[in-house]
Amino acid sequence: MANKARGEVKLELGGETYVLRPTFGAVCEIEDAIGANLFDMGRKLERAEITARDLVKFTQACIAQSGTSIDVDKLGEAIVAQGSLGVVTALVGFCQSYAFGGSGEKKAANPPAPKLPAVTAPTS
């Protein structure tokens, strides 16, 4: 079971459940595997601009860091058979946990805007 307080994300794929945790080692491994930084990959995931090859490499690196190995071809076939949306959703959650820490929920970056006094329109 994934522990959200630790930033863990659950990925169900090919009848297996994997727990992905964005540790420093995992992030370095993923960046080496895909040849890009995790923030850029997170943006590509959110915009559905990731290639199939990078999706498989990213997923394989995440799974490897959870202590399991999976063959690239087998992983690619599992993603195609299941559909990529669930995998992309889990990987976006992984990136968010890395970026924001802990639960991966976005924390307020800016305080709420101050309330301004009401302005009345001039009368003619």
C-alpha atoms as a PDB file:
ATOM      1  CA  MET A   1       0.000   0.000   0.000  1.00  0.00           C
ATOM      2  CA  ALA A   2       1.324   3.430  -0.950  1.00  0.00           C
ATOM      3  CA  ASN A   3       2.081   5.827   1.905  1.00  0.00           C
ATOM      4  CA  LYS A   4       1.079   9.310   0.689  1.00  0.00           C
ATOM      5  CA  ALA A   5       2.879  11.001   3.578  1.00  0.00           C
ATOM      6  CA  ARG A   6       6.133   9.597   2.179  1.00  0.00           C
ATOM      7  CA  GLY A   7       5.211  10.664  -1.358  1.00  0.00           C
ATOM      8  CA  GLU A   8       4.554   7.106  -2.518  1.00  0.00           C
ATOM      9  CA  VAL A   9       2.308   6.495  -5.509  1.00  0.00           C
ATOM     10  CA  LYS A  10       0.574   3.245  -6.450  1.00  0.00           C
ATOM     11  CA  LEU A  11       0.857   1.952 -10.012  1.00  0.00           C
ATOM     12  CA  GLU A  12      -1.286  -0.976 -11.114  1.00  0.00           C
ATOM     13  CA  LEU A  13      -0.027  -2.535 -14.315  1.00  0.00           C
ATOM     14  CA  GLY A  14      -0.266  -5.969 -15.884  1.00  0.00           C
ATOM     15  CA  GLY A  15      -1.974  -7.480 -12.852  1.00  0.00           C
ATOM     16  CA  GLU A  16       0.785  -6.246 -10.526  1.00  0.00           C
ATOM     17  CA  THR A  17       0.803  -3.378  -8.049  1.00  0.00           C
ATOM     18  CA  TYR A  18       3.966  -1.317  -7.712  1.00  0.00           C
ATOM     19  CA  VAL A  19       4.702   1.322  -5.087  1.00  0.00           C
ATOM     20  CA  LEU A  20       6.712   4.195  -6.547  1.00  0.00           C
ATOM     21  CA  ARG A  21       8.581   6.505  -4.192  1.00  0.00           C
ATOM     22  CA  PRO A  22      10.507   9.564  -5.378  1.00  0.00           C
ATOM     23  CA  THR A  23      13.763   9.117  -3.486  1.00  0.00           C
ATOM     24  CA  PHE A  24      16.905  10.964  -4.515  1.00  0.00           C
ATOM     25  CA  GLY A  25      18.294   7.741  -5.990  1.00  0.00           C
ATOM     26  CA  ALA A  26      15.078   7.084  -7.917  1.00  0.00           C
ATOM     27  CA  VAL A  27      15.027  10.587  -9.372  1.00  0.00           C
ATOM     28  CA  CYS A  28      18.695  10.364 -10.449  1.00  0.00           C
ATOM     29  CA  GLU A  29      18.105   6.938 -12.016  1.00  0.00           C
ATOM     30  CA  ILE A  30      15.057   8.203 -13.899  1.00  0.00           C
ATOM     31  CA  GLU A  31      16.825  11.324 -15.157  1.00  0.00           C
ATOM     32  CA  ASP A  32      19.732   9.163 -16.378  1.00  0.00           C
ATOM     33  CA  ALA A  33      17.336   6.710 -18.069  1.00  0.00           C
ATOM     34  CA  ILE A  34      15.320   9.362 -19.906  1.00  0.00           C
ATOM     35  CA  GLY A  35      18.055  11.934 -20.460  1.00  0.00           C
ATOM     36  CA  ALA A  36      15.990  14.826 -19.105  1.00  0.00           C
ATOM     37  CA  ASN A  37      15.201  16.380 -15.754  1.00  0.00           C
ATOM     38  CA  LEU A  38      12.134  15.217 -13.872  1.00  0.00           C
ATOM     39  CA  PHE A  39      10.415  18.623 -13.985  1.00  0.00           C
ATOM     40  CA  ASP A  40      10.531  18.655 -17.788  1.00  0.00           C
ATOM     41  CA  MET A  41       9.226  15.087 -17.933  1.00  0.00           C
ATOM     42  CA  GLY A  42       6.419  15.949 -15.521  1.00  0.00           C
ATOM     43  CA  ARG A  43       5.344  18.812 -17.779  1.00  0.00           C
ATOM     44  CA  LYS A  44       5.491  16.526 -20.828  1.00  0.00           C
ATOM     45  CA  LEU A  45       3.377  13.941 -19.015  1.00  0.00           C
ATOM     46  CA  GLU A  46       0.753  16.511 -18.045  1.00  0.00           C
ATOM     47  CA  ARG A  47       0.549  17.763 -21.643  1.00  0.00           C
ATOM     48  CA  ALA A  48       0.571  14.234 -23.132  1.00  0.00           C
ATOM     49  CA  GLU A  49       3.763  15.065 -25.026  1.00  0.00           C
ATOM     50  CA  ILE A  50       5.825  12.100 -23.809  1.00  0.00           C
ATOM     51  CA  THR A  51       6.999   9.500 -26.300  1.00  0.00           C
ATOM     52  CA  ALA A  52       6.138   5.837 -25.840  1.00  0.00           C
ATOM     53  CA  ARG A  53       9.839   5.050 -25.433  1.00  0.00           C
ATOM     54  CA  ASP A  54      10.277   7.653 -22.672  1.00  0.00           C
ATOM     55  CA  LEU A  55       7.075   6.489 -20.979  1.00  0.00           C
ATOM     56  CA  VAL A  56       8.448   2.939 -20.823  1.00  0.00           C
ATOM     57  CA  LYS A  57      11.920   4.080 -19.669  1.00  0.00           C
ATOM     58  CA  PHE A  58      10.413   6.325 -16.990  1.00  0.00           C
ATOM     59  CA  THR A  59       8.088   3.578 -15.765  1.00  0.00           C
ATOM     60  CA  GLN A  60      10.850   0.957 -15.808  1.00  0.00           C
ATOM     61  CA  ALA A  61      13.167   3.190 -13.765  1.00  0.00           C
ATOM     62  CA  CYS A  62      10.407   3.862 -11.204  1.00  0.00           C
ATOM     63  CA  ILE A  63       9.641   0.153 -10.904  1.00  0.00           C
ATOM     64  CA  ALA A  64      13.348  -0.703 -10.604  1.00  0.00           C
ATOM     65  CA  GLN A  65      13.697   1.725  -7.698  1.00  0.00           C
ATOM     66  CA  SER A  66      10.842  -0.065  -5.933  1.00  0.00           C
ATOM     67  CA  GLY A  67      12.989  -3.203  -5.954  1.00  0.00           C
ATOM     68  CA  THR A  68      11.485  -5.015  -8.937  1.00  0.00           C
ATOM     69  CA  SER A  69      12.843  -5.460 -12.433  1.00  0.00           C
ATOM     70  CA  ILE A  70      10.736  -5.785 -15.541  1.00  0.00           C
ATOM     71  CA  ASP A  71      11.737  -6.377 -19.158  1.00  0.00           C
ATOM     72  CA  VAL A  72      11.263  -3.325 -21.408  1.00  0.00           C
ATOM     73  CA  ASP A  73       9.270  -5.225 -24.045  1.00  0.00           C
ATOM     74  CA  LYS A  74       7.045  -6.845 -21.425  1.00  0.00           C
ATOM     75  CA  LEU A  75       6.484  -3.464 -19.785  1.00  0.00           C
ATOM     76  CA  GLY A  76       5.653  -1.806 -23.098  1.00  0.00           C
ATOM     77  CA  GLU A  77       3.148  -4.542 -23.945  1.00  0.00           C
ATOM     78  CA  ALA A  78       1.538  -4.206 -20.490  1.00  0.00           C
ATOM     79  CA  ILE A  79       1.138  -0.449 -20.992  1.00  0.00           C
ATOM     80  CA  VAL A  80      -0.402  -0.941 -24.442  1.00  0.00           C
ATOM     81  CA  ALA A  81      -2.738  -3.687 -23.171  1.00  0.00           C
ATOM     82  CA  GLN A  82      -3.929  -1.589 -20.211  1.00  0.00           C
ATOM     83  CA  GLY A  83      -3.794   1.818 -21.814  1.00  0.00           C
ATOM     84  CA  SER A  84      -1.328   4.523 -20.890  1.00  0.00           C
ATOM     85  CA  LEU A  85      -3.654   6.795 -18.888  1.00  0.00           C
ATOM     86  CA  GLY A  86      -3.254   4.954 -15.574  1.00  0.00           C
ATOM     87  CA  VAL A  87       0.516   4.852 -15.984  1.00  0.00           C
ATOM     88  CA  VAL A  88       0.696   8.542 -16.890  1.00  0.00           C
ATOM     89  CA  THR A  89      -1.510   9.439 -13.909  1.00  0.00           C
ATOM     90  CA  ALA A  90       0.775   7.529 -11.516  1.00  0.00           C
ATOM     91  CA  LEU A  91       3.905   9.107 -12.999  1.00  0.00           C
ATOM     92  CA  VAL A  92       2.405  12.610 -12.732  1.00  0.00           C
ATOM     93  CA  GLY A  93       1.706  11.838  -9.066  1.00  0.00           C
ATOM     94  CA  PHE A  94       5.326  10.692  -8.695  1.00  0.00           C
ATOM     95  CA  CYS A  95       6.577  13.980 -10.179  1.00  0.00           C
ATOM     96  CA  GLN A  96       4.251  16.013  -7.964  1.00  0.00           C
ATOM     97  CA  SER A  97       5.459  14.162  -4.868  1.00  0.00           C
ATOM     98  CA  TYR A  98       9.025  14.938  -5.883  1.00  0.00           C
ATOM     99  CA  ALA A  99       8.265  18.594  -6.563  1.00  0.00           C
ATOM    100  CA  PHE A 100       6.033  19.331  -3.583  1.00  0.00           C
ATOM    101  CA  GLY A 101       7.164  16.696  -1.071  1.00  0.00           C
ATOM    102  CA  GLY A 102       5.129  14.366   1.065  1.00  0.00           C
ATOM    103  CA  SER A 103       1.642  13.765  -0.203  1.00  0.00           C
ATOM    104  CA  GLY A 104       2.352  15.352  -3.567  1.00  0.00           C
ATOM    105  CA  GLU A 105      -0.567  17.694  -3.140  1.00  0.00           C
ATOM    106  CA  LYS A 106       0.159  21.148  -4.381  1.00  0.00           C
ATOM    107  CA  LYS A 107       0.823  23.530  -1.536  1.00  0.00           C
ATOM    108  CA  ALA A 108      -0.241  27.141  -1.804  1.00  0.00           C
ATOM    109  CA  ALA A 109       2.636  29.012  -3.410  1.00  0.00           C
ATOM    110  CA  ASN A 110       1.182  32.469  -2.840  1.00  0.00           C
ATOM    111  CA  PRO A 111      -0.967  33.866  -0.048  1.00  0.00           C
ATOM    112  CA  PRO A 112      -4.489  34.923  -1.001  1.00  0.00           C
ATOM    113  CA  ALA A 113      -4.755  38.329  -2.641  1.00  0.00           C
ATOM    114  CA  PRO A 114      -5.610  41.158  -0.258  1.00  0.00           C
ATOM    115  CA  LYS A 115      -9.139  42.493  -0.330  1.00  0.00           C
ATOM    116  CA  LEU A 116      -9.311  45.855  -2.026  1.00  0.00           C
ATOM    117  CA  PRO A 117     -11.845  48.522  -1.150  1.00  0.00           C
ATOM    118  CA  ALA A 118     -14.884  48.685  -3.343  1.00  0.00           C
ATOM    119  CA  VAL A 119     -14.679  51.250  -6.130  1.00  0.00           C
ATOM    120  CA  THR A 120     -17.779  53.072  -7.269  1.00  0.00           C
ATOM    121  CA  ALA A 121     -18.206  54.353 -10.767  1.00  0.00           C
ATOM    122  CA  PRO A 122     -18.414  58.131 -11.095  1.00  0.00           C
ATOM    123  CA  THR A 123     -21.831  59.540 -11.869  1.00  0.00           C
ATOM    124  CA  SER A 124     -22.315  62.047 -14.628  1.00  0.00           C
END
